[in-house]
């Protein structure tokens, strides 16, 4: 008998470990990739944009904390949506959208890896080098996952520690050279652009939801999970606000715009010279590599979980070498296509939009399951509305500046629906709820 794919059993996770998972998930490749884009949109008000995005994340963390305690599982978001909305096409489409959003996140990380790595090449070779590095890193991490090598996973703790130390060093040194005039309200973009700027970089916050996937393995989950969610989000919001302050305060807006694909490294140059640029670039390469590894593995596992629920083809449920390799291959190929065909703004826009839709659904799931989660429904009702308004601001800004990008977003939403609806029409599989949760 073939042994089914499963997540290895580990010792119970405590508060510090769960919090580290949340912080590591958020401070992955996102901040390195989208900081420059945020500055281009929000200008001197980038700090406000990050704060707005942080508020949306914190409110949504309440829903995740309540749902994770009531429905502990390895399925996380998928389990929550299935329990709240049942077996319909809507639920399946949301779960497929979550999978597609992870593919977009992978593309964002790969694009950032390529952009920072390309800075080590002559300027004339940077475009070619970026695409070469994007292809190289996706293929390399796919092979690592396929062969079962876990060297990056073993080094994850060290990578996170080194990355955080470099960022803290960047903040400490950078505070000495801040030009306050560059942060003055006169330099801010319009209010709706501040909101839109916060939302287009919302992908830098989405990683806190990874804590939900540990719900079944946490010690004393009623106390540990809420504290881990709130502590990780609050800590990362504080870090991001400091990074945004130092970046905008040290580097003129026009220079950030020119170097927006690697803005964090460019912001280190005025205070630390070329050595500072290189230090941040190396941190970005380490960070995006670990983020690609974790997200690629998680995306393959997510496709396996959705297939186990009967919402994707049964082939994705069958392991190869005891691993969900079909999902891995599909995810990798899709990432290669997206990362090499879309620009950073498009990738960030559709990634943020996808997660705002998912988070709105999770907030509403907490409202629907309030008796089971013992939640204050009004908090998650506000969370649903805030996610909706944030999505509207993002769409408005995109429609104003680059309406063609809305077709990319519409295409992703339509694809999620067509995959689910088309699959259900052509296959008769039982939709199984709660396959991965245990109470």
Protein backbone atom coordinates (compact mmCIF):
# COMPACT_ATOMS: atom_id res chain seq x y z
CA UNK A 1 0.00 0.00 0.00
CA UNK A 2 1.27 3.45 -0.89
CA UNK A 3 1.90 5.68 2.04
CA UNK A 4 -0.18 8.88 1.76
CA UNK A 5 1.54 12.23 1.78
CA UNK A 6 1.51 13.74 5.25
CA UNK A 7 3.20 16.45 7.21
CA UNK A 8 5.79 14.99 9.58
CA UNK A 9 4.82 15.01 13.23
CA UNK A 10 6.85 17.38 15.33
CA UNK A 11 6.93 18.38 18.95
CA UNK A 12 4.34 20.88 20.08
CA UNK A 13 4.89 24.47 19.03
CA UNK A 14 5.11 27.21 21.66
CA UNK A 15 4.44 30.95 21.58
CA UNK A 16 7.90 32.02 20.41
CA UNK A 17 7.98 29.43 17.64
CA UNK A 18 4.48 30.31 16.41
CA UNK A 19 5.32 34.02 16.51
CA UNK A 20 8.53 33.36 14.57
CA UNK A 21 6.52 31.56 11.88
CA UNK A 22 4.30 34.64 11.52
CA UNK A 23 7.20 37.09 11.45
CA UNK A 24 9.20 34.90 9.06
CA UNK A 25 6.16 34.61 6.79
CA UNK A 26 5.68 38.37 6.63
CA UNK A 27 9.29 39.54 6.53
CA UNK A 28 10.02 37.25 3.60
CA UNK A 29 10.66 38.71 0.21
CA UNK A 30 7.72 41.11 0.24
CA UNK A 31 9.33 44.14 1.89
CA UNK A 32 12.35 43.90 -0.42
CA UNK A 33 10.12 43.68 -3.49
CA UNK A 34 7.37 46.24 -2.89
CA UNK A 35 8.92 49.05 -0.84
CA UNK A 36 9.93 51.05 -3.91
CA UNK A 37 6.51 50.54 -5.48
CA UNK A 38 4.84 51.88 -2.33
CA UNK A 39 7.01 54.99 -2.40
CA UNK A 40 6.17 55.66 -6.05
CA UNK A 41 2.45 55.66 -5.16
CA UNK A 42 2.35 57.14 -1.62
CA UNK A 43 5.48 59.32 -1.90
CA UNK A 44 6.39 60.96 1.43
CA UNK A 45 3.34 59.33 3.01
CA UNK A 46 4.70 55.80 2.56
CA UNK A 47 4.82 55.38 6.34
CA UNK A 48 1.07 56.11 6.48
CA UNK A 49 0.45 53.62 3.65
CA UNK A 50 2.26 50.87 5.55
CA UNK A 51 0.31 51.75 8.70
CA UNK A 52 -3.01 51.48 6.84
CA UNK A 53 -2.06 48.06 5.47
CA UNK A 54 -0.95 47.03 8.95
CA UNK A 55 -4.34 47.95 10.43
CA UNK A 56 -6.10 45.75 7.85
CA UNK A 57 -3.74 42.89 8.73
CA UNK A 58 -4.26 43.33 12.48
CA UNK A 59 -8.05 43.30 12.23
CA UNK A 60 -7.92 40.19 10.04
CA UNK A 61 -5.54 38.54 12.52
CA UNK A 62 -8.43 38.58 15.02
CA UNK A 63 -10.53 36.39 12.69
CA UNK A 64 -7.60 34.04 12.10
CA UNK A 65 -6.92 33.76 15.84
CA UNK A 66 -10.52 32.86 16.65
CA UNK A 67 -10.90 30.42 13.75
CA UNK A 68 -7.54 28.75 14.42
CA UNK A 69 -8.53 27.98 18.01
CA UNK A 70 -11.98 26.67 17.04
CA UNK A 71 -10.83 24.73 13.95
CA UNK A 72 -7.20 23.68 14.52
CA UNK A 73 -5.82 22.09 11.37
CA UNK A 74 -3.05 21.89 8.81
CA UNK A 75 -5.53 23.21 6.24
CA UNK A 76 -5.70 26.69 7.78
CA UNK A 77 -7.57 29.07 5.49
CA UNK A 78 -8.99 26.24 3.37
CA UNK A 79 -10.53 24.62 6.44
CA UNK A 80 -12.06 27.91 7.61
CA UNK A 81 -13.67 28.64 4.24
CA UNK A 82 -15.02 25.11 3.88
CA UNK A 83 -16.63 25.16 7.32
CA UNK A 84 -18.14 28.61 6.86
CA UNK A 85 -19.43 28.37 3.30
CA UNK A 86 -20.00 24.67 2.68
CA UNK A 87 -19.55 22.69 -0.54
CA UNK A 88 -20.49 25.27 -3.20
CA UNK A 89 -18.62 26.54 -6.21
CA UNK A 90 -17.95 29.81 -4.32
CA UNK A 91 -15.95 27.99 -1.65
CA UNK A 92 -14.03 25.99 -4.20
CA UNK A 93 -13.31 29.10 -6.24
CA UNK A 94 -12.00 30.92 -3.15
CA UNK A 95 -9.72 27.99 -2.35
CA UNK A 96 -8.40 27.92 -5.91
CA UNK A 97 -7.95 31.71 -5.73
CA UNK A 98 -5.85 31.19 -2.60
CA UNK A 99 -3.65 28.75 -4.50
CA UNK A 100 -3.32 31.19 -7.42
CA UNK A 101 -2.48 34.00 -4.99
CA UNK A 102 0.38 31.91 -3.62
CA UNK A 103 1.63 31.47 -7.17
CA UNK A 104 1.55 35.26 -7.51
CA UNK A 105 3.51 35.56 -4.24
CA UNK A 106 6.09 33.13 -5.61
CA UNK A 107 6.34 35.26 -8.74
CA UNK A 108 6.85 38.36 -6.59
CA UNK A 109 9.66 36.72 -4.63
CA UNK A 110 11.29 35.38 -7.80
CA UNK A 111 11.04 38.80 -9.45
CA UNK A 112 12.65 40.42 -6.40
CA UNK A 113 15.41 37.80 -6.40
CA UNK A 114 16.08 38.53 -10.05
CA UNK A 115 16.02 42.31 -9.57
CA UNK A 116 18.44 42.36 -6.63
CA UNK A 117 20.67 39.72 -8.17
CA UNK A 118 20.83 41.62 -11.46
CA UNK A 119 22.42 44.61 -9.69
CA UNK A 120 25.65 42.60 -9.51
CA UNK A 121 25.80 42.53 -13.34
CA UNK A 122 26.70 45.39 -15.74
CA UNK A 123 23.75 47.70 -16.40
CA UNK A 124 23.52 46.57 -20.03
CA UNK A 125 23.01 42.96 -18.90
CA UNK A 126 20.57 43.60 -16.05
CA UNK A 127 17.35 42.78 -17.99
CA UNK A 128 18.74 39.49 -19.28
CA UNK A 129 20.33 38.68 -15.93
CA UNK A 130 17.02 39.28 -14.10
CA UNK A 131 15.13 36.80 -16.25
CA UNK A 132 17.97 34.30 -16.05
CA UNK A 133 18.04 34.53 -12.27
CA UNK A 134 14.23 34.22 -12.04
CA UNK A 135 14.32 31.00 -14.08
CA UNK A 136 17.37 29.69 -12.23
CA UNK A 137 16.01 30.16 -8.71
CA UNK A 138 12.59 28.63 -9.49
CA UNK A 139 14.15 25.60 -11.19
CA UNK A 140 16.70 25.15 -8.39
CA UNK A 141 14.14 25.31 -5.57
CA UNK A 142 11.79 23.02 -7.48
CA UNK A 143 14.59 20.45 -7.77
CA UNK A 144 15.33 20.79 -4.05
CA UNK A 145 11.70 20.11 -3.20
CA UNK A 146 11.46 17.28 -5.72
CA UNK A 147 14.58 15.52 -4.44
CA UNK A 148 13.60 16.02 -0.84
CA UNK A 149 16.62 18.17 -0.01
CA UNK A 150 15.81 20.39 2.94
CA UNK A 151 19.02 22.34 3.44
CA UNK A 152 17.27 25.68 3.04
CA UNK A 153 14.55 24.63 5.47
CA UNK A 154 17.18 23.63 8.03
CA UNK A 155 18.87 27.00 7.59
CA UNK A 156 15.57 28.92 7.77
CA UNK A 157 16.06 30.00 11.39
CA UNK A 158 19.51 31.38 10.62
CA UNK A 159 18.29 33.11 7.46
CA UNK A 160 15.46 34.82 9.35
CA UNK A 161 17.84 35.90 12.14
CA UNK A 162 20.44 37.28 9.70
CA UNK A 163 17.76 39.08 7.70
CA UNK A 164 16.23 40.71 10.78
CA UNK A 165 19.66 41.72 12.11
CA UNK A 166 20.52 43.38 8.80
CA UNK A 167 17.19 45.22 8.68
CA UNK A 168 17.54 46.39 12.29
CA UNK A 169 21.09 47.56 11.52
CA UNK A 170 19.73 49.40 8.46
CA UNK A 171 17.10 51.13 10.63
CA UNK A 172 19.52 52.07 13.45
CA UNK A 173 22.13 53.53 11.12
CA UNK A 174 19.53 55.13 8.88
CA UNK A 175 17.82 57.10 11.63
CA UNK A 176 20.97 59.24 11.90
CA UNK A 177 20.60 60.66 8.40
CA UNK A 178 16.85 61.23 8.07
CA UNK A 179 15.75 64.45 6.35
CA UNK A 180 12.44 65.24 8.01
CA UNK A 181 11.33 67.49 5.17
CA UNK A 182 11.06 64.41 2.93
CA UNK A 183 8.44 62.98 5.33
CA UNK A 184 6.40 66.18 5.75
CA UNK A 185 2.65 66.08 4.91
CA UNK A 186 3.33 68.34 1.94
CA UNK A 187 5.15 65.43 0.29
CA UNK A 188 2.30 62.94 0.80
CA UNK A 189 0.14 61.65 -2.01
CA UNK A 190 -3.64 62.12 -1.94
CA UNK A 191 -5.58 60.21 0.77
CA UNK A 192 -6.95 57.64 -1.64
CA UNK A 193 -3.45 57.14 -3.08
CA UNK A 194 -2.16 56.53 0.45
CA UNK A 195 -4.76 53.81 0.89
CA UNK A 196 -4.05 52.39 -2.57
CA UNK A 197 -0.32 52.48 -1.85
CA UNK A 198 -0.90 50.56 1.36
CA UNK A 199 -2.97 47.98 -0.45
CA UNK A 200 -0.64 47.41 -3.37
CA UNK A 201 2.04 46.45 -0.85
CA UNK A 202 -0.38 44.45 1.30
CA UNK A 203 1.40 41.30 0.09
CA UNK A 204 4.20 42.24 2.51
CA UNK A 205 1.83 41.49 5.41
CA UNK A 206 -0.04 38.39 4.24
CA UNK A 207 2.33 35.83 5.78
CA UNK A 208 0.83 35.95 9.28
CA UNK A 209 -1.86 33.52 8.11
CA UNK A 210 0.76 30.75 8.03
CA UNK A 211 0.36 30.49 11.80
CA UNK A 212 -3.11 29.03 11.17
CA UNK A 213 -1.55 25.96 9.54
CA UNK A 214 0.15 25.09 12.86
CA UNK A 215 -3.11 25.15 14.83
CA UNK A 216 -3.22 21.39 15.43
CA UNK A 217 0.38 21.32 16.71
CA UNK A 218 0.41 24.26 19.14
CA UNK A 219 0.66 23.93 22.90
CA UNK A 220 -2.24 25.52 24.77
CA UNK A 221 -3.76 26.91 21.53
CA UNK A 222 -6.48 28.99 23.25
CA UNK A 223 -3.77 31.26 24.66
CA UNK A 224 -0.82 30.69 22.33
CA UNK A 225 -2.45 31.24 18.94
CA UNK A 226 -4.09 34.67 19.58
CA UNK A 227 -0.94 36.00 21.22
CA UNK A 228 1.22 34.72 18.34
CA UNK A 229 -1.03 36.31 15.70
CA UNK A 230 -1.17 39.71 17.40
CA UNK A 231 2.49 39.79 18.46
CA UNK A 232 3.79 38.89 15.00
CA UNK A 233 1.62 41.44 13.19
CA UNK A 234 2.35 44.26 15.64
CA UNK A 235 6.10 43.55 15.55
CA UNK A 236 6.20 43.55 11.74
CA UNK A 237 4.06 46.70 11.47
CA UNK A 238 6.57 48.47 13.74
CA UNK A 239 9.52 47.19 11.71
CA UNK A 240 7.96 48.20 8.39
CA UNK A 241 7.13 51.69 9.63
CA UNK A 242 10.75 52.18 10.67
CA UNK A 243 12.07 50.83 7.36
CA UNK A 244 9.72 53.10 5.38
CA UNK A 245 10.74 56.11 7.49
CA UNK A 246 14.45 55.48 6.97
CA UNK A 247 14.08 54.79 3.26
CA UNK A 248 12.05 57.91 2.44
CA UNK A 249 14.03 60.03 4.88
CA UNK A 250 17.41 59.11 3.39
CA UNK A 251 16.81 58.87 -0.35
CA UNK A 252 15.07 61.45 -2.60
CA UNK A 253 11.78 60.26 -4.07
CA UNK A 254 13.01 60.48 -7.65
CA UNK A 255 15.96 58.19 -6.89
CA UNK A 256 13.69 55.68 -5.16
CA UNK A 257 11.46 55.69 -8.26
CA UNK A 258 14.43 54.92 -10.52
CA UNK A 259 15.56 52.05 -8.26
CA UNK A 260 12.10 50.90 -7.22
CA UNK A 261 12.77 47.21 -7.99
CA UNK A 262 15.64 47.24 -5.45
CA UNK A 263 14.78 50.37 -3.44
CA UNK A 264 15.86 49.03 -0.05
CA UNK A 265 19.41 48.42 -1.26
CA UNK A 266 19.50 51.82 -2.94
CA UNK A 267 18.38 53.48 0.31
CA UNK A 268 21.34 51.94 2.14
CA UNK A 269 23.89 53.51 -0.20
CA UNK A 270 23.73 57.15 1.10
CA UNK A 271 24.47 56.05 4.67
CA UNK A 272 26.71 53.00 4.15
CA UNK A 273 28.07 53.41 0.62
CA UNK A 274 28.43 50.53 -1.81
CA UNK A 275 29.02 48.12 1.08
CA UNK A 276 25.57 48.96 2.43
CA UNK A 277 24.00 48.42 -0.98
CA UNK A 278 25.70 45.03 -1.25
CA UNK A 279 24.72 44.05 2.30
CA UNK A 280 21.02 44.71 1.69
CA UNK A 281 21.15 43.05 -1.73
CA UNK A 282 22.65 39.90 -0.18
CA UNK A 283 19.98 39.97 2.54
CA UNK A 284 17.33 40.25 -0.17
CA UNK A 285 18.75 37.27 -2.04
CA UNK A 286 18.82 35.15 1.13
CA UNK A 287 15.35 36.27 2.14
CA UNK A 288 13.70 35.71 -1.22
CA UNK A 289 15.38 32.32 -1.58
CA UNK A 290 13.98 31.10 1.74
CA UNK A 291 10.60 32.67 0.93
CA UNK A 292 10.47 30.89 -2.45
CA UNK A 293 11.38 27.59 -0.81
CA UNK A 294 8.74 27.89 1.93
CA UNK A 295 6.02 29.22 -0.38
CA UNK A 296 6.66 26.67 -3.12
CA UNK A 297 6.45 23.83 -0.61
CA UNK A 298 3.36 25.38 0.98
CA UNK A 299 1.67 25.91 -2.38
CA UNK A 300 2.22 22.30 -3.40
CA UNK A 301 0.82 21.20 -0.03
CA UNK A 302 -2.12 23.57 -0.47
CA UNK A 303 -3.04 22.00 -3.81
CA UNK A 304 -2.88 18.61 -2.07
CA UNK A 305 -5.19 19.82 0.73
CA UNK A 306 -7.72 21.30 -1.72
CA UNK A 307 -7.65 18.10 -3.79
CA UNK A 308 -8.22 16.04 -0.64
CA UNK A 309 -11.37 18.09 -0.10
CA UNK A 310 -12.52 17.06 -3.59
CA UNK A 311 -12.21 20.57 -5.04
CA UNK A 312 -9.32 19.89 -7.44
CA UNK A 313 -8.47 16.90 -9.66
CA UNK A 314 -7.73 13.65 -7.84
CA UNK A 315 -4.31 13.49 -9.54
CA UNK A 316 -3.13 16.31 -7.27
CA UNK A 317 -4.11 14.16 -4.30
CA UNK A 318 -1.90 11.27 -5.31
CA UNK A 319 1.67 11.55 -4.01
CA UNK A 320 4.76 10.77 -6.05
CA UNK A 321 7.63 9.57 -3.89
CA UNK A 322 5.39 10.42 -0.92
CA UNK A 323 5.28 14.08 -1.99
CA UNK A 324 2.63 16.19 -3.80
CA UNK A 325 4.85 16.61 -6.86
CA UNK A 326 2.14 17.23 -9.46
CA UNK A 327 1.06 20.33 -7.56
CA UNK A 328 4.72 21.31 -7.24
CA UNK A 329 5.32 21.09 -10.99
CA UNK A 330 2.15 22.98 -11.92
CA UNK A 331 2.94 25.70 -9.38
CA UNK A 332 6.53 26.05 -10.59
CA UNK A 333 5.61 26.31 -14.27
CA UNK A 334 2.87 28.86 -13.54
CA UNK A 335 5.35 30.89 -11.48
CA UNK A 336 7.89 30.90 -14.31
CA UNK A 337 5.24 32.24 -16.70
CA UNK A 338 3.95 34.98 -14.39
CA UNK A 339 7.34 36.18 -13.12
CA UNK A 340 8.76 36.44 -16.64
CA UNK A 341 5.76 38.07 -18.34
CA UNK A 342 4.33 40.57 -15.81
CA UNK A 343 6.00 43.61 -14.28
CA UNK A 344 6.40 44.17 -10.53
CA UNK A 345 3.39 46.49 -10.30
CA UNK A 346 1.05 44.00 -11.97
CA UNK A 347 2.28 41.11 -9.83
CA UNK A 348 1.91 43.11 -6.62
CA UNK A 349 -1.53 44.43 -7.58
CA UNK A 350 -3.09 41.07 -8.35
CA UNK A 351 -1.35 39.43 -5.39
CA UNK A 352 -2.65 42.03 -2.94
CA UNK A 353 -6.12 41.95 -4.50
CA UNK A 354 -6.25 38.16 -4.23
CA UNK A 355 -5.36 38.16 -0.54
CA UNK A 356 -7.73 41.04 0.24
CA UNK A 357 -10.57 38.98 -1.25
CA UNK A 358 -9.50 35.90 0.72
CA UNK A 359 -9.13 37.89 3.94
CA UNK A 360 -12.55 39.50 3.46
CA UNK A 361 -13.98 35.97 3.13
CA UNK A 362 -12.12 34.82 6.27
CA UNK A 363 -13.42 37.78 8.25
CA UNK A 364 -16.95 36.97 7.13
CA UNK A 365 -16.34 33.29 7.94
CA UNK A 366 -15.61 34.33 11.51
CA UNK A 367 -18.90 36.24 11.57
CA UNK A 368 -20.81 33.21 10.25
CA UNK A 369 -19.13 30.87 12.74
CA UNK A 370 -19.22 33.32 15.67
CA UNK A 371 -21.05 30.90 17.98
CA UNK A 372 -18.39 28.27 17.39
CA UNK A 373 -15.45 30.69 17.60
CA UNK A 374 -16.91 32.78 20.46
CA UNK A 375 -15.97 35.90 18.52
CA UNK A 376 -17.25 39.48 18.65
CA UNK A 377 -18.98 39.58 15.27
CA UNK A 378 -18.68 43.35 14.95
CA UNK A 379 -14.86 43.19 14.81
CA UNK A 380 -14.81 40.81 11.86
CA UNK A 381 -17.70 42.66 10.23
CA UNK A 382 -15.52 45.75 10.28
CA UNK A 383 -12.67 43.59 8.96
CA UNK A 384 -14.81 42.47 6.02
CA UNK A 385 -15.76 46.06 5.23
CA UNK A 386 -12.19 47.32 5.59
CA UNK A 387 -10.87 44.63 3.24
CA UNK A 388 -13.62 45.52 0.75
CA UNK A 389 -12.89 49.24 0.92
CA UNK A 390 -9.16 48.61 0.62
CA UNK A 391 -9.76 46.46 -2.46
CA UNK A 392 -11.94 49.21 -3.93
CA UNK A 393 -9.18 51.79 -3.38
CA UNK A 394 -6.64 49.49 -5.03
CA UNK A 395 -8.92 48.93 -8.03
CA UNK A 396 -9.65 52.67 -8.32
CA UNK A 397 -5.96 53.55 -8.30
CA UNK A 398 -5.19 50.85 -10.86
CA UNK A 399 -8.09 51.94 -13.09
CA UNK A 400 -6.82 55.54 -12.95
CA UNK A 401 -3.14 54.88 -13.60
CA UNK A 402 -3.00 51.63 -15.56
CA UNK A 403 -6.48 50.32 -16.45
CA UNK A 404 -5.02 47.53 -18.55
CA UNK A 405 -3.80 45.84 -15.36
CA UNK A 406 -7.40 45.34 -14.26
CA UNK A 407 -7.72 42.76 -17.03
CA UNK A 408 -4.94 40.78 -15.38
CA UNK A 409 -6.82 40.85 -12.06
CA UNK A 410 -10.11 39.97 -13.75
CA UNK A 411 -8.34 37.16 -15.55
CA UNK A 412 -7.08 35.67 -12.27
CA UNK A 413 -10.56 35.80 -10.69
CA UNK A 414 -12.16 34.30 -13.78
CA UNK A 415 -9.50 31.59 -13.92
CA UNK A 416 -10.19 30.60 -10.30
CA UNK A 417 -13.90 30.29 -11.06
CA UNK A 418 -13.41 28.42 -14.34
CA UNK A 419 -10.97 25.93 -12.82
CA UNK A 420 -13.43 25.09 -10.06
CA UNK A 421 -16.67 25.25 -12.09
CA UNK A 422 -15.19 23.45 -15.08
CA UNK A 423 -13.71 20.75 -12.90
CA UNK A 424 -17.02 20.16 -11.10
CA UNK A 425 -18.91 19.90 -14.38
CA UNK A 426 -16.52 17.31 -15.74
CA UNK A 427 -15.97 15.24 -12.60
CA UNK A 428 -18.20 13.79 -9.95
CA UNK A 429 -16.23 13.75 -6.73
CA UNK A 430 -17.49 13.95 -3.21
CA UNK A 431 -16.70 17.27 -1.54
CA UNK A 432 -15.25 16.38 1.85
CA UNK A 433 -15.18 18.92 4.64
CA UNK A 434 -13.00 18.85 7.74
CA UNK A 435 -10.61 16.35 6.19
CA UNK A 436 -7.62 18.04 7.84
CA UNK A 437 -8.95 19.47 11.04
CA UNK A 438 -8.98 17.75 14.34
CA UNK A 439 -10.49 19.12 17.46
